Structures are given as structure tokens and as C-alpha cells.
Amino acid sequence: MSTDPTTKIECDAATYRAAAQHNRDEPFLRGSTIVLPNYGQLVVTGDLHGHRRNLQRIMNFCDLHHAPARHVVLHEIIHEEPEGIDGHDMSHEVLLDAAKWKTAYPEQIHFLQSNHELAQLIEQDITKGGRVVTYSFLAGMRETYGESYTVVADALLEFIASYPLAIRTANRVMISHSLPGPEMMKSFDATVLDREPTGRDLGDGGSGYMLVWGRHQTKKQLNELSEELNINTFICGHQPQDMGYDVVANRLIIVASDHNHGVLLPFDLKRKYTTEDLVEAIRPLASIA
């Protein structure tokens, strides 16, 4: 029996709104940073870009029903590469699965703002493979929901707007989608992590915008950020990694989860780690059933 279209629209919109409220009610949220407790485990993932199989592998690995002290980081879930020249981006289906997972385990799953999701939120065009991905994404939603897709799209954007910017751990690790590029450092205001970001923070040139868009970090810059933020190791996504991960200046680990060589990085929240220790903990997603 097929689902009534109106019922699906209402249910999916309600899921996004509920997940957004859970993000806003996040008990570990301080400003725009989630500060995790010094016990349990954190599983860090990279960009997903609509990779359904890898999200399922992440869910299988985390097994949250049997691991109440395990936390998960998700970001950059949307904007997949469609199949065929006329195909639509259907990554909203993957984001919906992630939102449903959040509603089932609201205190264990944490989302981070990313450049692609922020672009969808602020209606900023991103061109990839000859497509404007923000338009392709909405076309995929229209294909699923018909002309009433805007009801779900509005709720989806409310969900994206609720994302924080960073996660910190007691063992001096910080996770964010990216970090400002070296040329941005003179304008970057790190206090954006300590408060709820404004529209100006998230707009082009704002500190939240710089945090999710920056690339090509340098050793000098990472050492300065490490001292300013009291962090030993940064873990980010954003910069594509064909083999799943890279390490920059022994301060920054870049992970990717959006292809067959994608990885995740689980680590204990109480134990002290070096960057080398964290790299050794990286696990290929292809090894997970």
C-alpha cells in the first residue's frame, strides 16, 4: 500500500522540526560548540554527500541501542553527484534518515554546520560538475514531494539552521567541518564558537562562514589556532581525500566518508591522544558490514 503523499509530507516535515528542536535543546551545547563529557566514545565521520551505504555502515558500527555512552558526529550529508546527466540530487533522503536517527538518539548524535548545508540555507549557489547543486537538491525534493515540497524544504532548512559549528572534547580534540584558511585569520573571530552565530557570522565573510569554507591550512596557522583554542588536534572534513584521510602538520586530521575509501574515526573521550594515536584509530568504512 502506498503512503498518502500528504501524510508523507507532514511526517517528514515533522521529523526535521523535531530533530531541529533536539539540536537546540542539546544538553552539551555552549554557544555554538558542543562540549562533550570526559567519558564514553566519540565516532567522527567526514563528508557524506548522500552516500547511503556509508551512512548505514556508520549506523551499524555505532550500534547506539547497545552503546548509550557513544556519540556520533555527522556533517555535509547533502549534495550528492546524481546518476546520469538528467538525474536529480536525492541526498535529502539521506539527510532525512540522519534526522530520524537524531530523533531516536537525541543526546548521542551531533550535527555540524558545513559549507554545502550552509549554502543551501543561505541560498548561495555552488557549482559542481556543471550543476548548481543547490538547485539540483531542490529539484530532487520536488521529485519526491511534488509541488508541496516547500513544506518539507522549509522544515529541512530549520534543521540545518540549528546546527552548531564545532565540538570540543575534554581530551583537547576539536571537530569542525573545516577551519579558516590562512588568508582568513586576520578577520576570523574565534568567539563565534562561544555564542549563537548571527546571520552576519554565517554570511559570506563572517566567522562562521570562514570556519566551514577554509582550506589549505598551514603549520604556523594550526599552531596558532591550537594555542588560542587550547586544542591539541583538529579533525575536519571539507577537503576531498581520495584515500579517506590526510594529516596536516601533525595538528589536523582530514577525514572523508563519501566514497568507497571513506573512513570513520572512533576514540575514547577520557583517554589522552596524540595526533598519531588518533590516526591509528581510523577505520575504513568498507570494513564494516
Foldseek 3Di string as FASTA:
>chain_A
DDDDLVVVLVVLLVLLLLLLVLLVVAPQAFALEREDALFFKEKEFAAAALVQVLVVLVCQVPVCVPGVRYAYEDENQHHHDAPDPPGAGQSVVVVSVVSNVCNVNVNRYAYAAALVLLCLLVVNFDDDPNDRRSVSNVVNLCVRNPPVSVSSVVSNSSSNLSHGAWYAFPLFEIEGQAAAAPVLVVQADPCSNRHHDDPQLSDVSHNSVRGRAHDDHALVRLVVCCVVVVHQAYEHENDDDPQAWDDHNQHYIYGHRHDQNGWMFMDTRNDHDGSVRRVVRIDGSNVGD
